PDB file of all heavy atoms in Angstrom:
ATOM      1  N   ALA A   1    -157.082 112.212  -0.945  1.00  0.00           N
ATOM      2  CA  ALA A   1    -158.093 112.126   0.113  1.00  0.00           C
ATOM      3  C   ALA A   1    -159.170 111.088  -0.203  1.00  0.00           C
ATOM      4  O   ALA A   1    -160.104 110.912   0.578  1.00  0.00           O
ATOM      5  CB  ALA A   1    -158.732 113.495   0.335  1.00  0.00           C
ATOM      6  N   GLY A   2    -159.062 110.431  -1.350  1.00  0.00           N
ATOM      7  CA  GLY A   2    -160.045 109.419  -1.733  1.00  0.00           C
ATOM      8  C   GLY A   2    -161.203 109.959  -2.539  1.00  0.00           C
ATOM      9  O   GLY A   2    -162.168 109.247  -2.801  1.00  0.00           O
ATOM     10  N   GLY A   3    -161.103 111.239  -2.957  1.00  0.00           N
ATOM     11  CA  GLY A   3    -162.164 111.839  -3.757  1.00  0.00           C
ATOM     12  C   GLY A   3    -162.020 111.505  -5.232  1.00  0.00           C
ATOM     13  O   GLY A   3    -161.133 110.748  -5.637  1.00  0.00           O
ATOM     14  N   ARG A   4    -162.888 112.085  -6.022  1.00  0.00           N
ATOM     15  CA  ARG A   4    -162.889 111.841  -7.470  1.00  0.00           C
ATOM     16  C   ARG A   4    -162.371 113.074  -8.184  1.00  0.00           C
ATOM     17  O   ARG A   4    -162.593 114.203  -7.744  1.00  0.00           O
ATOM     18  CB  ARG A   4    -164.314 111.536  -7.942  1.00  0.00           C
ATOM     19  CG  ARG A   4    -164.981 110.464  -7.117  1.00  0.00           C
ATOM     20  CD  ARG A   4    -165.308 109.166  -7.746  1.00  0.00           C
ATOM     21  NE  ARG A   4    -165.182 109.082  -9.153  1.00  0.00           N
ATOM     22  CZ  ARG A   4    -166.055 108.505  -9.945  1.00  0.00           C
ATOM     23  NH1 ARG A   4    -167.150 108.002  -9.461  1.00  0.00           N
ATOM     24  NH2 ARG A   4    -165.848 108.424 -11.236  1.00  0.00           N
ATOM     25  N   THR A   5    -161.713 112.865  -9.325  1.00  0.00           N
ATOM     26  CA  THR A   5    -161.108 113.974 -10.062  1.00  0.00           C
ATOM     27  C   THR A   5    -161.432 113.888 -11.549  1.00  0.00           C
ATOM     28  O   THR A   5    -161.403 112.811 -12.145  1.00  0.00           O
ATOM     29  CB  THR A   5    -159.581 113.998  -9.867  1.00  0.00           C
ATOM     30  OG1 THR A   5    -159.029 112.742 -10.272  1.00  0.00           O
ATOM     31  CG2 THR A   5    -159.217 114.266  -8.407  1.00  0.00           C
ATOM     32  N   PHE A   6    -161.724 115.060 -12.123  1.00  0.00           N
ATOM     33  CA  PHE A   6    -162.108 115.146 -13.521  1.00  0.00           C
ATOM     34  C   PHE A   6    -161.503 116.390 -14.157  1.00  0.00           C
ATOM     35  O   PHE A   6    -161.225 117.369 -13.476  1.00  0.00           O
ATOM     36  CB  PHE A   6    -163.640 115.226 -13.655  1.00  0.00           C
ATOM     37  CG  PHE A   6    -164.344 114.042 -13.087  1.00  0.00           C
ATOM     38  CD1 PHE A   6    -164.760 114.023 -11.763  1.00  0.00           C
ATOM     39  CD2 PHE A   6    -164.589 112.927 -13.869  1.00  0.00           C
ATOM     40  CE1 PHE A   6    -165.396 112.926 -11.224  1.00  0.00           C
ATOM     41  CE2 PHE A   6    -165.225 111.815 -13.343  1.00  0.00           C
ATOM     42  CZ  PHE A   6    -165.636 111.813 -12.013  1.00  0.00           C
ATOM     43  N   ALA A   7    -161.349 116.338 -15.461  1.00  0.00           N
ATOM     44  CA  ALA A   7    -160.910 117.502 -16.229  1.00  0.00           C
ATOM     45  C   ALA A   7    -161.704 117.552 -17.522  1.00  0.00           C
ATOM     46  O   ALA A   7    -162.153 116.518 -18.041  1.00  0.00           O
ATOM     47  CB  ALA A   7    -159.420 117.424 -16.541  1.00  0.00           C
ATOM     48  N   GLN A   8    -161.850 118.748 -18.027  1.00  0.00           N
ATOM     49  CA  GLN A   8    -162.456 118.947 -19.337  1.00  0.00           C
ATOM     50  C   GLN A   8    -161.502 118.412 -20.389  1.00  0.00           C
ATOM     51  O   GLN A   8    -160.281 118.585 -20.282  1.00  0.00           O
ATOM     52  CB  GLN A   8    -162.702 120.441 -19.556  1.00  0.00           C
ATOM     53  CG  GLN A   8    -163.314 120.781 -20.883  1.00  0.00           C
ATOM     54  CD  GLN A   8    -163.593 122.279 -21.024  1.00  0.00           C
ATOM     55  OE1 GLN A   8    -163.305 123.072 -20.130  1.00  0.00           O
ATOM     56  NE2 GLN A   8    -164.172 122.657 -22.155  1.00  0.00           N
ATOM     57  N   THR A   9    -162.015 117.775 -21.425  1.00  0.00           N
ATOM     58  CA  THR A   9    -161.142 117.337 -22.503  1.00  0.00           C
ATOM     59  C   THR A   9    -160.547 118.568 -23.174  1.00  0.00           C
ATOM     60  O   THR A   9    -161.272 119.517 -23.489  1.00  0.00           O
ATOM     61  CB  THR A   9    -161.900 116.491 -23.549  1.00  0.00           C
ATOM     62  OG1 THR A   9    -163.096 117.172 -23.914  1.00  0.00           O
ATOM     63  CG2 THR A   9    -162.230 115.113 -23.032  1.00  0.00           C
ATOM     64  N   PRO A  10    -159.233 118.576 -23.363  1.00  0.00           N
ATOM     65  CA  PRO A  10    -158.592 119.756 -23.953  1.00  0.00           C
ATOM     66  C   PRO A  10    -159.187 120.179 -25.298  1.00  0.00           C
ATOM     67  O   PRO A  10    -159.283 121.377 -25.568  1.00  0.00           O
ATOM     68  CB  PRO A  10    -157.135 119.323 -24.079  1.00  0.00           C
ATOM     69  CG  PRO A  10    -156.950 118.344 -22.967  1.00  0.00           C
ATOM     70  CD  PRO A  10    -158.248 117.583 -22.916  1.00  0.00           C
ATOM     71  N   ALA A  11    -159.610 119.231 -26.100  1.00  0.00           N
ATOM     72  CA  ALA A  11    -160.165 119.566 -27.415  1.00  0.00           C
ATOM     73  C   ALA A  11    -161.454 120.376 -27.308  1.00  0.00           C
ATOM     74  O   ALA A  11    -161.825 121.072 -28.258  1.00  0.00           O
ATOM     75  CB  ALA A  11    -160.415 118.298 -28.227  1.00  0.00           C
ATOM     76  N   THR A  12    -162.134 120.321 -26.161  1.00  0.00           N
ATOM     77  CA  THR A  12    -163.391 121.066 -25.988  1.00  0.00           C
ATOM     78  C   THR A  12    -163.186 122.365 -25.212  1.00  0.00           C
ATOM     79  O   THR A  12    -164.145 123.094 -24.981  1.00  0.00           O
ATOM     80  CB  THR A  12    -164.436 120.207 -25.248  1.00  0.00           C
ATOM     81  OG1 THR A  12    -163.991 119.965 -23.907  1.00  0.00           O
ATOM     82  CG2 THR A  12    -164.685 118.897 -25.966  1.00  0.00           C
ATOM     83  N   ALA A  13    -161.955 122.646 -24.799  1.00  0.00           N
ATOM     84  CA  ALA A  13    -161.662 123.831 -23.986  1.00  0.00           C
ATOM     85  C   ALA A  13    -161.162 124.976 -24.856  1.00  0.00           C
ATOM     86  O   ALA A  13    -160.344 124.774 -25.757  1.00  0.00           O
ATOM     87  CB  ALA A  13    -160.599 123.494 -22.939  1.00  0.00           C
ATOM     88  N   ALA A  14    -161.624 126.180 -24.555  1.00  0.00           N
ATOM     89  CA  ALA A  14    -161.138 127.365 -25.277  1.00  0.00           C
ATOM     90  C   ALA A  14    -159.649 127.569 -25.010  1.00  0.00           C
ATOM     91  O   ALA A  14    -158.907 127.986 -25.895  1.00  0.00           O
ATOM     92  CB  ALA A  14    -161.933 128.597 -24.853  1.00  0.00           C
ATOM     93  N   PHE A  15    -159.221 127.273 -23.794  1.00  0.00           N
ATOM     94  CA  PHE A  15    -157.812 127.340 -23.401  1.00  0.00           C
ATOM     95  C   PHE A  15    -157.478 126.006 -22.748  1.00  0.00           C
ATOM     96  O   PHE A  15    -157.848 125.768 -21.587  1.00  0.00           O
ATOM     97  CB  PHE A  15    -157.570 128.523 -22.452  1.00  0.00           C
ATOM     98  CG  PHE A  15    -157.771 129.852 -23.115  1.00  0.00           C
ATOM     99  CD1 PHE A  15    -159.028 130.418 -23.200  1.00  0.00           C
ATOM    100  CD2 PHE A  15    -156.693 130.517 -23.683  1.00  0.00           C
ATOM    101  CE1 PHE A  15    -159.222 131.632 -23.840  1.00  0.00           C
ATOM    102  CE2 PHE A  15    -156.869 131.737 -24.320  1.00  0.00           C
ATOM    103  CZ  PHE A  15    -158.135 132.299 -24.405  1.00  0.00           C
ATOM    104  N   PRO A  16    -156.797 125.112 -23.464  1.00  0.00           N
ATOM    105  CA  PRO A  16    -156.646 123.734 -23.008  1.00  0.00           C
ATOM    106  C   PRO A  16    -155.517 123.447 -22.013  1.00  0.00           C
ATOM    107  O   PRO A  16    -155.427 122.332 -21.512  1.00  0.00           O
ATOM    108  CB  PRO A  16    -156.395 122.976 -24.314  1.00  0.00           C
ATOM    109  CG  PRO A  16    -155.716 123.963 -25.195  1.00  0.00           C
ATOM    110  CD  PRO A  16    -156.340 125.294 -24.845  1.00  0.00           C
ATOM    111  N   SER A  17    -154.662 124.411 -21.680  1.00  0.00           N
ATOM    112  CA  SER A  17    -153.494 124.028 -20.885  1.00  0.00           C
ATOM    113  C   SER A  17    -153.826 123.612 -19.452  1.00  0.00           C
ATOM    114  O   SER A  17    -153.171 122.722 -18.910  1.00  0.00           O
ATOM    115  CB  SER A  17    -152.411 125.106 -20.911  1.00  0.00           C
ATOM    116  OG  SER A  17    -152.869 126.317 -20.406  1.00  0.00           O
ATOM    117  N   MET A  18    -154.840 124.194 -18.807  1.00  0.00           N
ATOM    118  CA  MET A  18    -155.201 123.752 -17.453  1.00  0.00           C
ATOM    119  C   MET A  18    -155.685 122.306 -17.451  1.00  0.00           C
ATOM    120  O   MET A  18    -155.156 121.483 -16.700  1.00  0.00           O
ATOM    121  CB  MET A  18    -156.263 124.667 -16.830  1.00  0.00           C
ATOM    122  CG  MET A  18    -155.686 125.747 -15.937  1.00  0.00           C
ATOM    123  SD  MET A  18    -156.915 126.930 -15.292  1.00  0.00           S
ATOM    124  CE  MET A  18    -158.064 125.916 -14.388  1.00  0.00           C
ATOM    125  N   PRO A  19    -156.670 121.954 -18.276  1.00  0.00           N
ATOM    126  CA  PRO A  19    -157.090 120.551 -18.268  1.00  0.00           C
ATOM    127  C   PRO A  19    -155.984 119.606 -18.761  1.00  0.00           C
ATOM    128  O   PRO A  19    -155.847 118.498 -18.240  1.00  0.00           O
ATOM    129  CB  PRO A  19    -158.325 120.502 -19.158  1.00  0.00           C
ATOM    130  CG  PRO A  19    -158.426 121.813 -19.837  1.00  0.00           C
ATOM    131  CD  PRO A  19    -157.576 122.778 -19.100  1.00  0.00           C
ATOM    132  N   GLN A  20    -155.174 120.059 -19.708  1.00  0.00           N
ATOM    133  CA  GLN A  20    -154.091 119.198 -20.191  1.00  0.00           C
ATOM    134  C   GLN A  20    -153.068 118.928 -19.090  1.00  0.00           C
ATOM    135  O   GLN A  20    -152.584 117.809 -18.941  1.00  0.00           O
ATOM    136  CB  GLN A  20    -153.396 119.818 -21.405  1.00  0.00           C
ATOM    137  CG  GLN A  20    -152.381 118.884 -22.058  1.00  0.00           C
ATOM    138  CD  GLN A  20    -153.038 117.628 -22.617  1.00  0.00           C
ATOM    139  OE1 GLN A  20    -153.938 117.705 -23.464  1.00  0.00           O
ATOM    140  NE2 GLN A  20    -152.616 116.463 -22.150  1.00  0.00           N
ATOM    141  N   ALA A  21    -152.760 119.945 -18.279  1.00  0.00           N
ATOM    142  CA  ALA A  21    -151.829 119.751 -17.163  1.00  0.00           C
ATOM    143  C   ALA A  21    -152.389 118.743 -16.165  1.00  0.00           C
ATOM    144  O   ALA A  21    -151.655 117.903 -15.636  1.00  0.00           O
ATOM    145  CB  ALA A  21    -151.537 121.087 -16.478  1.00  0.00           C
ATOM    146  N   ALA A  22    -153.696 118.810 -15.919  1.00  0.00           N
ATOM    147  CA  ALA A  22    -154.325 117.849 -15.000  1.00  0.00           C
ATOM    148  C   ALA A  22    -154.244 116.435 -15.560  1.00  0.00           C
ATOM    149  O   ALA A  22    -153.960 115.478 -14.834  1.00  0.00           O
ATOM    150  CB  ALA A  22    -155.777 118.248 -14.751  1.00  0.00           C
ATOM    151  N   ILE A  23    -154.469 116.297 -16.850  1.00  0.00           N
ATOM    152  CA  ILE A  23    -154.380 114.985 -17.497  1.00  0.00           C
ATOM    153  C   ILE A  23    -152.948 114.481 -17.447  1.00  0.00           C
ATOM    154  O   ILE A  23    -152.695 113.318 -17.105  1.00  0.00           O
ATOM    155  CB  ILE A  23    -154.897 115.067 -18.952  1.00  0.00           C
ATOM    156  CG1 ILE A  23    -156.399 115.342 -18.956  1.00  0.00           C
ATOM    157  CG2 ILE A  23    -154.556 113.793 -19.730  1.00  0.00           C
ATOM    158  CD1 ILE A  23    -156.952 115.786 -20.294  1.00  0.00           C
ATOM    159  N   ASP A  24    -151.989 115.347 -17.775  1.00  0.00           N
ATOM    160  CA  ASP A  24    -150.580 114.956 -17.789  1.00  0.00           C
ATOM    161  C   ASP A  24    -150.087 114.520 -16.418  1.00  0.00           C
ATOM    162  O   ASP A  24    -149.192 113.674 -16.309  1.00  0.00           O
ATOM    163  CB  ASP A  24    -149.705 116.096 -18.310  1.00  0.00           C
ATOM    164  CG  ASP A  24    -149.926 116.380 -19.792  1.00  0.00           C
ATOM    165  OD1 ASP A  24    -150.566 115.552 -20.481  1.00  0.00           O
ATOM    166  OD2 ASP A  24    -149.470 117.457 -20.248  1.00  0.00           O
ATOM    167  N   ALA A  25    -150.660 115.093 -15.349  1.00  0.00           N
ATOM    168  CA  ALA A  25    -150.254 114.722 -13.990  1.00  0.00           C
ATOM    169  C   ALA A  25    -150.693 113.299 -13.640  1.00  0.00           C
ATOM    170  O   ALA A  25    -150.134 112.680 -12.751  1.00  0.00           O
ATOM    171  CB  ALA A  25    -150.826 115.719 -12.982  1.00  0.00           C
ATOM    172  N   GLY A  26    -151.687 112.789 -14.359  1.00  0.00           N
ATOM    173  CA  GLY A  26    -152.140 111.411 -14.157  1.00  0.00           C
ATOM    174  C   GLY A  26    -153.108 111.269 -12.997  1.00  0.00           C
ATOM    175  O   GLY A  26    -153.270 112.166 -12.168  1.00  0.00           O
ATOM    176  N   GLY A  27    -153.772 110.137 -12.963  1.00  0.00           N
ATOM    177  CA  GLY A  27    -154.644 109.800 -11.851  1.00  0.00           C
ATOM    178  C   GLY A  27    -156.052 110.345 -11.919  1.00  0.00           C
ATOM    179  O   GLY A  27    -156.798 110.220 -10.952  1.00  0.00           O
ATOM    180  N   LEU A  28    -156.447 110.946 -13.033  1.00  0.00           N
ATOM    181  CA  LEU A  28    -157.819 111.437 -13.155  1.00  0.00           C
ATOM    182  C   LEU A  28    -158.795 110.267 -13.267  1.00  0.00           C
ATOM    183  O   LEU A  28    -158.458 109.225 -13.835  1.00  0.00           O
ATOM    184  CB  LEU A  28    -157.986 112.284 -14.408  1.00  0.00           C
ATOM    185  CG  LEU A  28    -157.434 113.683 -14.425  1.00  0.00           C
ATOM    186  CD1 LEU A  28    -157.739 114.331 -15.776  1.00  0.00           C
ATOM    187  CD2 LEU A  28    -157.978 114.536 -13.308  1.00  0.00           C
ATOM    188  N   ASP A  29    -160.009 110.469 -12.768  1.00  0.00           N
ATOM    189  CA  ASP A  29    -161.049 109.479 -13.007  1.00  0.00           C
ATOM    190  C   ASP A  29    -161.505 109.533 -14.458  1.00  0.00           C
ATOM    191  O   ASP A  29    -161.810 108.497 -15.048  1.00  0.00           O
ATOM    192  CB  ASP A  29    -162.225 109.709 -12.071  1.00  0.00           C
ATOM    193  CG  ASP A  29    -161.878 109.289 -10.651  1.00  0.00           C
ATOM    194  OD1 ASP A  29    -161.624 108.092 -10.431  1.00  0.00           O
ATOM    195  OD2 ASP A  29    -161.830 110.166  -9.773  1.00  0.00           O
ATOM    196  N   ALA A  30    -161.547 110.750 -15.035  1.00  0.00           N
ATOM    197  CA  ALA A  30    -161.947 110.880 -16.443  1.00  0.00           C
ATOM    198  C   ALA A  30    -161.685 112.285 -16.932  1.00  0.00           C
ATOM    199  O   ALA A  30    -161.683 113.240 -16.162  1.00  0.00           O
ATOM    200  CB  ALA A  30    -163.425 110.547 -16.631  1.00  0.00           C
ATOM    201  N   ALA A  31    -161.473 112.402 -18.230  1.00  0.00           N
ATOM    202  CA  ALA A  31    -161.442 113.683 -18.938  1.00  0.00           C
ATOM    203  C   ALA A  31    -162.593 113.628 -19.925  1.00  0.00           C
ATOM    204  O   ALA A  31    -162.665 112.710 -20.755  1.00  0.00           O
ATOM    205  CB  ALA A  31    -160.116 113.884 -19.648  1.00  0.00           C
ATOM    206  N   LEU A  32    -163.511 114.588 -19.812  1.00  0.00           N
ATOM    207  CA  LEU A  32    -164.735 114.577 -20.594  1.00  0.00           C
ATOM    208  C   LEU A  32    -165.123 115.978 -21.020  1.00  0.00           C
ATOM    209  O   LEU A  32    -164.699 116.960 -20.389  1.00  0.00           O
ATOM    210  CB  LEU A  32    -165.901 113.996 -19.743  1.00  0.00           C
ATOM    211  CG  LEU A  32    -165.723 112.591 -19.198  1.00  0.00           C
ATOM    212  CD1 LEU A  32    -166.722 112.324 -18.080  1.00  0.00           C
ATOM    213  CD2 LEU A  32    -165.891 111.581 -20.317  1.00  0.00           C
ATOM    214  N   PRO A  33    -165.967 116.118 -22.047  1.00  0.00           N
ATOM    215  CA  PRO A  33    -166.509 117.447 -22.366  1.00  0.00           C
ATOM    216  C   PRO A  33    -167.348 117.930 -21.166  1.00  0.00           C
ATOM    217  O   PRO A  33    -167.859 117.114 -20.395  1.00  0.00           O
ATOM    218  CB  PRO A  33    -167.402 117.198 -23.584  1.00  0.00           C
ATOM    219  CG  PRO A  33    -166.978 115.877 -24.128  1.00  0.00           C
ATOM    220  CD  PRO A  33    -166.435 115.093 -22.990  1.00  0.00           C
ATOM    221  N   PRO A  34    -167.502 119.249 -21.005  1.00  0.00           N
ATOM    222  CA  PRO A  34    -168.223 119.767 -19.832  1.00  0.00           C
ATOM    223  C   PRO A  34    -169.603 119.163 -19.631  1.00  0.00           C
ATOM    224  O   PRO A  34    -169.997 118.853 -18.511  1.00  0.00           O
ATOM    225  CB  PRO A  34    -168.315 121.269 -20.099  1.00  0.00           C
ATOM    226  CG  PRO A  34    -167.177 121.572 -20.998  1.00  0.00           C
ATOM    227  CD  PRO A  34    -166.993 120.343 -21.848  1.00  0.00           C
ATOM    228  N   GLU A  35    -170.339 118.966 -20.720  1.00  0.00           N
ATOM    229  CA  GLU A  35    -171.703 118.452 -20.568  1.00  0.00           C
ATOM    230  C   GLU A  35    -171.736 116.994 -20.139  1.00  0.00           C
ATOM    231  O   GLU A  35    -172.778 116.492 -19.715  1.00  0.00           O
ATOM    232  CB  GLU A  35    -172.541 118.660 -21.837  1.00  0.00           C
ATOM    233  CG  GLU A  35    -171.910 118.351 -23.145  1.00  0.00           C
ATOM    234  CD  GLU A  35    -170.906 119.399 -23.638  1.00  0.00           C
ATOM    235  OE1 GLU A  35    -171.121 120.608 -23.498  1.00  0.00           O
ATOM    236  OE2 GLU A  35    -169.877 118.964 -24.171  1.00  0.00           O
TER     237      GLU A  35
END
């Protein structure tokens, strides 16, 4: 839709599989720590 997409960096997540799946799917604007 032309929006922006982000995920938490897996290394900073208590449970990394959701953000890792988003990263693996490709096309994110960035993966960053929550802060």
